[in-house]
Protein backbone atom coordinates (compact mmCIF):
# COMPACT_ATOMS: atom_id res chain seq x y z
CA MET A 1 -73.65 72.92 -262.74
CA SER A 2 -76.63 71.89 -264.87
CA GLU A 3 -78.71 68.81 -264.27
CA SER A 4 -80.17 66.40 -266.84
CA LEU A 5 -83.00 63.92 -266.49
CA VAL A 6 -82.39 60.93 -268.79
CA ILE A 7 -85.60 59.08 -269.69
CA ARG A 8 -85.51 55.61 -271.24
CA MET A 9 -88.64 54.96 -273.30
CA GLY A 10 -90.27 51.59 -273.64
CA ALA A 11 -90.88 50.11 -277.08
CA GLY A 12 -94.68 50.15 -277.14
CA ALA A 13 -97.28 52.85 -276.58
CA GLY A 14 -98.24 51.42 -273.19
CA ALA A 15 -94.72 50.46 -272.12
CA SER A 16 -93.33 51.81 -268.89
CA ALA A 17 -90.43 54.24 -268.74
CA SER A 18 -87.49 54.67 -266.41
CA TRP A 19 -85.50 57.79 -265.58
CA VAL A 20 -82.58 59.05 -263.54
CA ALA A 21 -80.96 62.45 -262.95
CA VAL A 22 -77.27 63.10 -263.63
CA ASP A 23 -75.00 66.14 -263.54
CA ASP A 24 -72.59 67.36 -266.24
CA THR A 25 -69.90 64.92 -265.12
CA GLY A 26 -72.22 61.91 -265.34
CA ALA A 27 -72.59 61.55 -261.57
CA ILE A 28 -75.91 59.97 -260.62
CA LEU A 29 -78.25 62.21 -258.60
CA GLY A 30 -80.77 60.10 -256.73
CA ASP A 31 -82.43 56.78 -257.44
CA VAL A 32 -83.77 55.38 -260.70
CA GLY A 33 -87.47 56.07 -261.15
CA THR A 34 -89.96 53.89 -263.02
CA GLY A 35 -93.51 54.49 -264.15
CA THR A 36 -95.35 56.21 -266.97
CA LEU A 37 -94.04 59.03 -269.12
CA ALA A 38 -96.36 61.35 -267.18
CA ASP A 39 -94.53 60.33 -264.00
CA ALA A 40 -91.23 61.09 -265.73
CA ALA A 41 -92.57 64.52 -266.73
CA LEU A 42 -93.36 65.30 -263.09
CA ALA A 43 -89.81 64.31 -262.12
CA ALA A 44 -88.38 66.59 -264.82
CA THR A 45 -90.54 69.51 -263.67
CA SER A 46 -89.70 69.08 -260.00
CA ARG A 47 -85.96 68.98 -260.73
CA GLN A 48 -86.06 71.70 -263.44
CA ALA A 49 -83.67 69.52 -265.44
CA ILE A 50 -82.75 69.31 -269.11
CA VAL A 51 -84.60 66.31 -270.53
CA LEU A 52 -82.75 63.73 -272.64
CA VAL A 53 -84.65 60.74 -274.01
CA LEU A 54 -83.28 57.33 -275.04
CA ALA A 55 -85.30 55.55 -277.73
CA PRO A 56 -85.29 51.74 -278.21
CA ALA A 57 -82.04 50.74 -279.92
CA LEU A 58 -83.78 48.09 -282.02
CA GLU A 59 -85.78 50.80 -283.84
CA VAL A 60 -82.81 53.01 -284.80
CA MET A 61 -80.22 52.00 -287.38
CA ARG A 62 -76.72 53.38 -287.05
CA ALA A 63 -74.57 53.82 -290.16
CA SER A 64 -71.66 55.83 -291.56
CA ALA A 65 -71.53 58.03 -294.65
CA ASP A 66 -68.60 59.40 -296.65
CA LEU A 67 -69.71 62.90 -297.53
CA PRO A 68 -67.62 66.07 -297.86
CA LEU A 69 -70.42 68.21 -296.41
CA ARG A 70 -70.09 69.12 -292.76
CA SER A 71 -73.54 70.35 -291.75
CA GLY A 72 -76.61 72.29 -292.82
CA PRO A 73 -79.68 71.64 -294.97
CA ARG A 74 -77.62 70.36 -297.91
CA LEU A 75 -76.18 67.59 -295.73
CA LEU A 76 -79.66 66.52 -294.62
CA GLN A 77 -80.74 66.40 -298.26
CA ALA A 78 -77.69 64.37 -299.34
CA LEU A 79 -77.83 61.70 -296.61
CA PRO A 80 -80.73 59.63 -298.06
CA PHE A 81 -78.95 59.28 -301.40
CA ALA A 82 -75.61 58.43 -299.77
CA LEU A 83 -77.15 55.59 -297.73
CA GLU A 84 -79.86 54.45 -300.13
CA GLU A 85 -78.04 51.25 -301.14
CA GLN A 86 -77.60 50.20 -297.50
CA LEU A 87 -81.32 50.43 -296.72
CA ALA A 88 -84.14 48.08 -297.55
CA GLU A 89 -86.91 50.63 -297.03
CA ASP A 90 -87.94 53.61 -299.13
CA VAL A 91 -85.77 56.55 -298.07
CA ASP A 92 -88.80 58.85 -298.20
CA ALA A 93 -90.24 56.92 -295.25
CA LEU A 94 -87.08 57.38 -293.19
CA HIS A 95 -85.62 60.20 -291.11
CA PHE A 96 -81.85 60.77 -291.27
CA ALA A 97 -79.89 62.52 -288.53
CA PRO A 98 -76.16 63.27 -288.88
CA GLY A 99 -73.76 63.16 -285.96
CA ILE A 100 -70.42 64.86 -285.39
CA ARG A 101 -67.58 63.74 -287.62
CA ALA A 102 -64.38 62.69 -285.83
CA ASP A 103 -61.45 64.39 -287.59
CA ASP A 104 -61.48 63.18 -291.22
CA GLY A 105 -63.38 59.96 -290.54
CA PRO A 106 -66.82 58.96 -291.83
CA LEU A 107 -69.91 60.83 -290.73
CA PRO A 108 -72.00 58.94 -288.14
CA VAL A 109 -75.68 58.78 -289.06
CA ALA A 110 -78.82 57.59 -287.28
CA VAL A 111 -81.78 56.38 -289.34
CA VAL A 112 -85.32 55.82 -288.04
CA ARG A 113 -88.73 55.43 -289.63
CA ARG A 114 -90.67 58.67 -289.72
CA VAL A 115 -93.82 57.14 -288.29
CA LEU A 116 -91.84 55.92 -285.29
CA ILE A 117 -90.17 59.20 -284.41
CA GLU A 118 -93.48 61.00 -284.92
CA GLU A 119 -95.08 58.51 -282.53
CA TRP A 120 -92.33 58.99 -279.93
CA ILE A 121 -92.59 62.78 -280.07
CA ALA A 122 -96.40 62.57 -279.80
CA ARG A 123 -96.19 60.23 -276.78
CA LEU A 124 -93.72 62.52 -275.07
CA ALA A 125 -95.79 65.63 -275.84
CA ALA A 126 -98.96 63.97 -274.52
CA ALA A 127 -97.13 63.36 -271.24
CA GLY A 128 -95.90 66.95 -271.10
CA ILE A 129 -92.30 66.22 -272.10
CA ARG A 130 -90.37 68.36 -274.58
CA PRO A 131 -86.95 66.71 -274.83
CA ALA A 132 -83.88 68.77 -275.58
CA ARG A 133 -82.34 65.79 -277.36
CA LEU A 134 -83.45 62.31 -278.44
CA TYR A 135 -80.91 59.50 -278.87
CA SER A 136 -80.88 55.81 -279.61
CA GLU A 137 -80.00 53.96 -276.42
CA ALA A 138 -77.27 52.25 -278.47
CA ASP A 139 -75.38 55.56 -278.44
CA ALA A 140 -75.30 55.40 -274.65
CA VAL A 141 -73.42 52.09 -274.45
CA GLY A 142 -70.14 53.86 -275.17
CA SER A 143 -66.92 52.65 -276.76
CA MET A 144 -63.27 52.30 -275.77
CA PRO A 145 -60.09 51.84 -277.84
CA ASN A 146 -59.44 48.24 -278.94
CA THR A 147 -62.50 47.14 -276.97
CA MET A 148 -65.82 45.63 -277.94
CA THR A 149 -68.50 46.78 -275.49
CA LEU A 150 -71.79 44.90 -275.18
CA LEU A 151 -74.98 45.60 -273.26
CA VAL A 152 -77.23 42.56 -272.85
CA GLN A 153 -80.75 42.89 -271.52
CA ASP A 154 -83.68 40.54 -271.96
CA ASP A 155 -83.39 39.22 -275.52
CA ILE A 156 -81.45 42.16 -277.02
CA ALA A 157 -77.70 42.75 -277.21
CA ILE A 158 -76.21 46.11 -278.21
CA LEU A 159 -72.67 45.91 -279.59
CA SER A 160 -70.46 49.00 -279.61
CA PRO A 161 -67.12 48.47 -281.39
CA ALA A 162 -64.11 50.68 -280.86
CA ASP A 163 -64.14 52.19 -284.35
CA GLY A 164 -67.60 51.81 -285.84
CA PRO A 165 -71.30 52.46 -285.31
CA PRO A 166 -73.14 50.39 -282.70
CA ALA A 167 -75.40 47.54 -283.76
CA THR A 168 -78.29 45.66 -282.19
CA VAL A 169 -78.66 41.89 -282.44
CA ASP A 170 -80.61 39.12 -280.79
CA ALA A 171 -79.01 38.21 -277.47
CA SER A 172 -78.78 34.55 -278.52
CA ALA A 173 -76.60 35.59 -281.49
CA ALA A 174 -74.29 37.85 -279.48
CA ALA A 175 -71.61 35.17 -279.01
CA THR A 176 -71.60 34.33 -282.73
CA VAL A 177 -71.34 37.98 -283.80
CA LEU A 178 -68.58 38.53 -281.28
CA GLU A 179 -66.67 35.53 -282.64
CA LEU A 180 -66.91 36.93 -286.17
CA CYS A 181 -65.56 40.28 -284.98
CA ILE A 182 -62.68 38.57 -283.22
CA ALA A 183 -61.81 36.40 -286.19
CA GLY A 184 -61.89 39.37 -288.55
CA ASP A 185 -64.27 37.61 -290.93
CA VAL A 186 -66.58 40.61 -291.17
CA GLU A 187 -66.38 42.13 -294.66
CA GLY A 188 -63.28 40.04 -295.49
CA GLU A 189 -60.96 41.76 -293.01
CA THR A 190 -57.74 40.09 -291.94
CA GLU A 191 -57.45 38.74 -288.42
CA ARG A 192 -57.19 41.49 -285.84
CA ASP A 193 -54.96 41.87 -282.83
CA PRO A 194 -56.44 40.47 -279.63
CA MET A 195 -59.12 42.81 -278.34
CA HIS A 196 -60.70 43.46 -274.99
CA VAL A 197 -64.36 42.59 -274.47
CA VAL A 198 -66.53 44.16 -271.78
CA ILE A 199 -70.10 42.90 -271.37
CA TYR A 200 -72.71 44.62 -269.19
CA GLY A 201 -76.01 43.07 -268.19
CA ASP A 202 -78.10 41.68 -265.39
CA GLU A 203 -76.87 38.59 -263.58
CA THR A 204 -79.30 36.26 -265.38
CA SER A 205 -78.32 37.42 -268.88
CA LEU A 206 -74.61 37.21 -268.08
CA ALA A 207 -74.99 33.73 -266.60
CA GLU A 208 -76.68 32.52 -269.81
CA LEU A 209 -74.07 34.12 -272.05
CA GLU A 210 -70.89 33.21 -270.18
CA PRO A 211 -70.67 29.49 -271.18
CA ARG A 212 -70.82 30.42 -274.87
CA LEU A 213 -67.95 32.87 -274.43
CA GLU A 214 -65.49 30.54 -272.75
CA SER A 215 -64.20 29.22 -276.07
CA LEU A 216 -63.37 32.80 -277.10
CA ARG A 217 -61.42 33.71 -273.96
CA PRO A 218 -58.00 32.42 -275.21
CA ARG A 219 -58.31 34.65 -278.29
CA LEU A 220 -59.05 37.81 -276.31
CA ALA A 221 -56.79 40.22 -274.51
CA SER A 222 -59.39 40.21 -271.72
CA LEU A 223 -63.02 39.26 -271.10
CA ASP A 224 -64.86 41.20 -268.42
CA LEU A 225 -68.49 40.51 -267.45
CA ARG A 226 -70.00 43.26 -265.29
CA ALA A 227 -73.38 42.89 -263.59
CA LEU A 228 -75.56 46.01 -263.45
CA VAL A 229 -77.27 45.67 -260.09
CA ASP A 230 -79.37 48.83 -260.55
CA GLY A 231 -80.16 48.08 -264.19
CA PRO A 232 -78.54 49.60 -267.27
CA LEU A 233 -79.99 53.12 -267.02
CA PRO A 234 -77.42 54.67 -264.61
CA ARG A 235 -74.59 53.66 -266.93
CA LEU A 236 -76.47 54.70 -270.07
CA ALA A 237 -77.36 58.09 -268.55
CA ALA A 238 -73.81 58.83 -267.43
CA GLN A 239 -72.44 57.90 -270.86
CA ILE A 240 -74.92 59.88 -272.96
CA VAL A 241 -74.35 63.06 -270.92
CA THR A 242 -70.56 62.93 -271.07
CA SER A 243 -70.30 61.50 -274.63
CA PRO A 244 -73.44 62.44 -276.61
CA GLY A 245 -74.37 60.39 -279.64
CA VAL A 246 -76.45 61.33 -282.69
CA ASN A 247 -79.38 63.56 -281.79
CA LEU A 248 -82.49 62.47 -283.71
CA LEU A 249 -84.20 65.83 -283.20
CA GLN A 250 -82.86 67.49 -286.34
CA GLY A 251 -84.36 68.90 -289.52
CA GLU A 252 -88.13 68.92 -289.41
CA PHE A 253 -88.09 67.31 -285.95
CA ALA A 254 -85.80 69.88 -284.35
CA PRO A 255 -87.38 71.71 -281.41
CA ARG A 256 -88.77 75.06 -282.51
CA SER A 257 -87.35 76.72 -279.42
CA SER A 258 -84.72 75.26 -277.14
CA LEU A 259 -84.83 78.13 -274.64
CA ARG A 260 -87.08 76.23 -272.26
CA ALA A 261 -84.92 73.13 -272.47
CA TYR A 262 -81.73 75.01 -271.69
CA TRP A 263 -83.25 77.31 -269.08
CA PRO A 264 -82.23 75.10 -266.11
CA ALA A 265 -78.60 75.35 -267.16
CA TRP A 266 -78.76 79.15 -267.34
CA ARG A 267 -81.17 80.01 -264.53
CA LEU A 268 -78.37 80.58 -261.99
CA ALA A 269 -76.50 82.91 -264.37
CA ALA A 270 -79.75 84.75 -265.15
CA ALA A 271 -80.48 85.15 -261.44
CA LEU A 272 -76.99 86.52 -260.81
CA LEU A 273 -77.34 88.94 -263.74
CA LEU A 274 -80.71 90.13 -262.45
CA ALA A 275 -79.24 90.62 -258.97
CA LEU A 276 -76.37 92.63 -260.47
CA VAL A 277 -78.76 94.85 -262.44
CA VAL A 278 -80.92 95.44 -259.34
CA ALA A 279 -77.82 96.25 -257.25
CA MET A 280 -76.51 98.71 -259.87
CA LEU A 281 -79.91 100.36 -260.18
CA GLY A 282 -80.20 100.60 -256.39
CA THR A 283 -76.73 102.15 -256.15
CA GLN A 284 -77.56 104.73 -258.82
CA LEU A 285 -80.85 105.62 -257.11
CA ALA A 286 -79.07 105.96 -253.76
CA GLU A 287 -76.40 108.20 -255.31
CA ALA A 288 -79.07 110.35 -256.95
CA TYR A 289 -80.91 110.65 -253.62
CA ARG A 290 -77.71 111.66 -251.79
CA SER A 291 -76.91 114.21 -254.50
CA ARG A 292 -80.37 115.76 -254.18
CA GLN A 293 -79.99 115.90 -250.39
CA GLN A 294 -76.57 117.56 -250.65
CA LEU A 295 -77.86 120.07 -253.21
CA ALA A 296 -80.80 120.92 -250.96
CA ALA A 297 -78.42 121.40 -248.00
CA VAL A 298 -76.17 123.70 -250.02
CA ARG A 299 -79.13 125.76 -251.17
CA ALA A 300 -80.39 126.01 -247.59
CA ALA A 301 -76.96 127.15 -246.39
CA VAL A 302 -76.74 129.78 -249.15
CA ASP A 303 -80.22 131.03 -248.32
CA GLN A 304 -79.35 131.21 -244.60
CA ALA A 305 -76.12 133.10 -245.25
CA PHE A 306 -77.89 135.50 -247.60
CA HIS A 307 -80.55 136.38 -245.05
CA TYR A 308 -77.94 136.97 -242.37
CA VAL A 309 -76.24 139.50 -244.64
CA PHE A 310 -79.52 141.01 -245.87
CA PRO A 311 -82.18 140.50 -243.17
CA ASP A 312 -84.74 142.46 -245.16
CA ALA A 313 -84.57 140.09 -248.13
CA GLY A 314 -87.62 138.09 -249.02
CA PRO A 315 -87.67 134.63 -250.62
CA VAL A 316 -84.56 134.13 -252.74
CA VAL A 317 -84.80 132.28 -256.07
CA ASP A 318 -81.34 133.02 -257.48
CA ALA A 319 -79.02 133.95 -254.60
CA ARG A 320 -76.05 134.78 -256.84
CA ALA A 321 -78.01 137.17 -259.04
CA GLU A 322 -79.76 138.74 -256.05
CA LEU A 323 -76.48 139.24 -254.18
CA SER A 324 -74.78 140.81 -257.22
CA SER A 325 -77.69 143.17 -257.65
CA ARG A 326 -77.65 144.29 -254.00
CA LEU A 327 -73.87 144.76 -253.96
CA GLN A 328 -73.97 146.83 -257.15
CA ARG A 329 -76.52 149.08 -255.54
CA LEU A 330 -74.06 149.70 -252.68
CA GLY A 331 -71.62 151.31 -255.11
CA SER A 332 -69.04 150.49 -257.69
CA ARG A 333 -65.98 151.21 -255.52
CA GLY A 334 -66.05 147.80 -253.91
CA ALA A 335 -66.96 145.87 -257.01
CA GLY A 336 -63.86 143.67 -256.94
CA GLY A 337 -64.35 142.88 -253.26
CA ASN A 338 -68.01 142.16 -253.89
CA HIS A 339 -67.12 139.41 -256.34
CA GLU A 340 -64.63 138.00 -253.86
CA PHE A 341 -67.31 137.95 -251.18
CA LEU A 342 -69.62 136.09 -253.54
CA ASP A 343 -66.96 133.48 -254.32
CA VAL A 344 -66.14 132.96 -250.63
CA LEU A 345 -69.82 132.67 -249.80
CA ARG A 346 -70.25 129.98 -252.47
CA VAL A 347 -67.38 127.91 -251.00
CA VAL A 348 -68.76 128.30 -247.47
CA ALA A 349 -72.21 127.22 -248.62
CA GLN A 350 -70.84 124.06 -250.22
CA ALA A 351 -68.83 123.20 -247.10
CA LEU A 352 -71.83 123.73 -244.82
CA GLY A 353 -74.07 121.71 -247.12
CA SER A 354 -71.93 118.58 -246.72
CA SER A 355 -70.87 119.16 -243.11
CA GLY A 356 -73.67 117.31 -241.41
CA GLY A 357 -75.81 119.78 -239.47
CA ALA A 358 -73.85 123.05 -239.01
CA ARG A 359 -75.85 126.30 -239.06
CA ILE A 360 -74.80 129.96 -239.51
CA GLU A 361 -75.66 132.28 -236.62
CA ALA A 362 -73.77 135.38 -237.82
CA VAL A 363 -71.62 136.43 -240.76
CA SER A 364 -69.49 139.48 -241.59
CA TYR A 365 -67.12 140.33 -244.43
CA ARG A 366 -64.41 143.02 -244.31
CA ALA A 367 -61.28 143.58 -246.38
CA GLY A 368 -61.38 140.14 -247.98
CA THR A 369 -61.92 138.29 -244.69
CA MET A 370 -65.15 136.55 -243.69
CA GLU A 371 -66.06 135.96 -240.06
CA LEU A 372 -68.60 133.22 -239.31
CA ARG A 373 -70.30 132.23 -236.09
CA LEU A 374 -71.52 128.65 -236.47
CA ARG A 375 -73.57 126.26 -234.38
CA ALA A 376 -72.42 122.66 -235.03
CA PRO A 377 -73.08 119.23 -233.50
CA SER A 378 -69.40 118.78 -232.56
CA VAL A 379 -65.88 120.15 -232.90
CA GLU A 380 -65.25 117.46 -235.51
CA VAL A 381 -67.88 119.06 -237.75
CA LEU A 382 -66.10 122.42 -237.41
CA ASP A 383 -62.82 120.72 -238.36
CA ARG A 384 -64.48 119.15 -241.36
CA ILE A 385 -65.79 122.54 -242.54
CA GLN A 386 -62.34 124.09 -242.04
CA ASN A 387 -60.62 121.32 -244.03
CA GLN A 388 -63.14 121.39 -246.85
CA ILE A 389 -62.80 125.15 -247.30
CA GLY A 390 -59.01 124.82 -247.32
CA GLN A 391 -59.17 122.11 -250.01
CA THR A 392 -60.98 124.33 -252.51
CA GLY A 393 -57.76 126.24 -253.33
CA GLY A 394 -57.10 129.93 -252.76
CA LEU A 395 -58.80 130.06 -249.34
CA GLN A 396 -57.76 129.23 -245.81
CA ALA A 397 -60.00 128.80 -242.77
CA GLN A 398 -59.06 129.07 -239.11
CA ILE A 399 -61.14 128.16 -236.08
CA GLN A 400 -60.91 131.15 -233.73
CA SER A 401 -62.89 129.61 -230.89
CA ALA A 402 -65.12 126.64 -230.07
CA ASN A 403 -67.34 126.70 -226.97
CA ALA A 404 -69.83 124.13 -225.78
CA SER A 405 -73.50 125.11 -225.76
CA GLY A 406 -75.56 122.23 -224.44
CA SER A 407 -75.12 119.28 -226.76
CA GLU A 408 -73.73 121.54 -229.50
CA VAL A 409 -70.69 123.72 -230.12
CA ILE A 410 -70.59 127.46 -230.94
CA GLY A 411 -67.59 128.15 -233.14
CA ARG A 412 -66.03 131.20 -234.75
CA LEU A 413 -64.45 130.64 -238.14
CA GLN A 414 -62.25 133.12 -240.03
CA ILE A 415 -61.86 132.68 -243.80
CA SER A 416 -59.38 134.62 -245.92
CA ARG A 417 -57.44 134.42 -249.15
CA THR A 418 -54.27 132.32 -249.03
CA GLY A 419 -51.27 134.55 -248.46
CA GLY A 420 -53.54 137.47 -247.71
């Protein structure tokens, strides 16, 4: 499960910041920290968390646009013209960031002055912070069906209606704006059904606001004032992680590479993948080593058997070719039997190579039957050789005797063609 560090920026260049860590479900991980942005950067580094930043709500305007475009550069180009009449400033001085459209509804948009977002990004970069996403803190208030949600802190109130973009007003005007929303006088709407109102804030702000709301209580479905003992950040952080708003880092302000930002979320998967690759490579190397050992054992067994049959032979490079050559020199009458001997010898060599320590002490071959005297670590090794020869098809092996010799066993093995 990935971890995010949500940083709430102050309004001015020298303003303090606060931060808190949350998981994907919005659960708070640890206490709220306060200090400079550099302190927040240290917290992000120590936790290896994805960094999300909340900008002052008063500096970001939220609006809606009716545009058929869904996304892409054309949408970013069209937004200034679609919202131009709603804005008092020159659109060239503003940055527009589209959100995610809900079904066929209007497109949510965040608007901020370019100089401000450039200043925020510069302040964060100077502190060593590269945020994955940058939101207005108004997006973190959250909304619920048929409910007006307010966050009141100091002299600012953030209103988040059930079906519209959030807005920021002076805290002293919050009761008046709320009354207008209840009465349905905004933009000439007819009176609405009774709504629920939930107001978050510190105890002082709620105590100042409550008397002005009493006259509205009979016209509401419910009025709930909730004190935030630990401040607003834990609630804002949980909300923005589980229900993201409009990310301001789009267009020219989009991060050039988000790999570093998303690395904490993928580091466990990357570690598991690396471990899997190392394990597979280790297995393949081990198999290759075992194969080389088995091949060396087979070659040693073939060489040993060859020198028992031909004691005068020197170093053997190609046992099969050397054996064929020697047998041909003995005469052509036994040519068929010679090939049979060679085939039996090959099977015996393979069985000895994988037996685990058996050695040939004597070998003879007459009338299609091979007699072997073997020295093995145990009777079980002799049984293993017997079974392996029998599994090759066309041959059968019988243990004629097995006598102890110190810690080893001297065995006689007879090998012949099946049915012969």
